[in-house]
Amino acid sequence: MDSKSGLQRMEDVHELTGWISVWYDQAVAARFINPPFVLDDATADRLQGYFDVGLTPDDAVHAFFCLMH
């Protein structure tokens, strides 16, 4: 049975957690965010979507913080 997050196994949760950690480090390094950064539910859902479609954390940083026209 799927969890609320859509992740079926604890391994999936650990993989997503690690992916978000790398995303965070890269976002800080690019100066898009400054510590401390609080991950709210909407942001977590958005990042999980990037993870689910196979973006790398680096690609997700650019997608998340890109300028919209």
Protein backbone atom coordinates (compact mmCIF):
# COMPACT_ATOMS: atom_id res chain seq x y z
CA MET A 1 0.00 0.00 0.00
CA ASP A 2 1.28 3.47 -0.87
CA SER A 3 2.06 5.90 1.87
CA LYS A 4 0.66 9.43 1.78
CA SER A 5 3.87 10.61 0.12
CA GLY A 6 3.59 8.02 -2.63
CA LEU A 7 6.78 6.30 -1.50
CA GLN A 8 6.26 2.59 -1.01
CA ARG A 9 9.40 1.47 0.82
CA MET A 10 11.66 2.86 3.52
CA GLU A 11 14.51 2.60 1.00
CA ASP A 12 12.61 5.06 -1.21
CA VAL A 13 12.28 7.47 1.71
CA HIS A 14 16.00 7.20 2.48
CA GLU A 15 16.90 7.74 -1.18
CA LEU A 16 14.67 10.83 -1.37
CA THR A 17 16.07 12.16 1.90
CA GLY A 18 19.63 11.80 0.58
CA TRP A 19 18.65 13.40 -2.72
CA ILE A 20 17.10 16.39 -0.92
CA SER A 21 20.24 16.71 1.22
CA VAL A 22 22.38 16.99 -1.93
CA TRP A 23 19.83 19.44 -3.41
CA TYR A 24 20.09 21.54 -0.24
CA ASP A 25 23.90 21.59 -0.31
CA GLN A 26 23.91 22.61 -3.97
CA ALA A 27 21.26 25.30 -3.42
CA VAL A 28 23.34 26.75 -0.57
CA ALA A 29 26.53 26.58 -2.66
CA ALA A 30 24.77 28.44 -5.48
CA ARG A 31 23.57 31.03 -2.92
CA PHE A 32 19.91 30.47 -3.73
CA ILE A 33 19.18 29.79 -0.05
CA ASN A 34 20.89 30.46 3.25
CA PRO A 35 20.93 28.19 6.27
CA PRO A 36 18.81 27.63 8.17
CA PHE A 37 16.26 26.69 5.52
CA VAL A 38 12.94 25.23 6.63
CA LEU A 39 11.47 22.73 4.20
CA ASP A 40 7.70 23.22 4.18
CA ASP A 41 5.21 20.67 2.86
CA ALA A 42 4.66 22.43 -0.49
CA THR A 43 8.40 22.61 -1.16
CA ALA A 44 8.89 18.99 -0.11
CA ASP A 45 6.11 17.91 -2.50
CA ARG A 46 7.66 19.91 -5.33
CA LEU A 47 11.10 18.41 -4.70
CA GLN A 48 9.64 14.92 -4.53
CA GLY A 49 8.10 15.54 -7.95
CA TYR A 50 11.52 16.46 -9.36
CA PHE A 51 12.96 13.33 -7.73
CA ASP A 52 10.16 11.15 -9.08
CA VAL A 53 10.75 12.25 -12.69
CA GLY A 54 14.48 11.58 -12.37
CA LEU A 55 16.04 15.02 -12.14
CA THR A 56 19.44 15.20 -10.54
CA PRO A 57 19.67 17.41 -7.46
CA ASP A 58 21.63 19.95 -9.55
CA ASP A 59 18.96 20.02 -12.25
CA ALA A 60 16.31 20.37 -9.54
CA VAL A 61 18.12 23.37 -8.04
CA HIS A 62 17.97 25.11 -11.40
CA ALA A 63 14.36 24.10 -12.02
CA PHE A 64 13.28 25.20 -8.55
CA PHE A 65 14.97 28.59 -8.60
CA CYS A 66 14.69 29.46 -12.30
CA LEU A 67 13.14 32.77 -13.22
CA MET A 68 9.66 32.47 -14.63
CA HIS A 69 8.68 34.82 -17.45
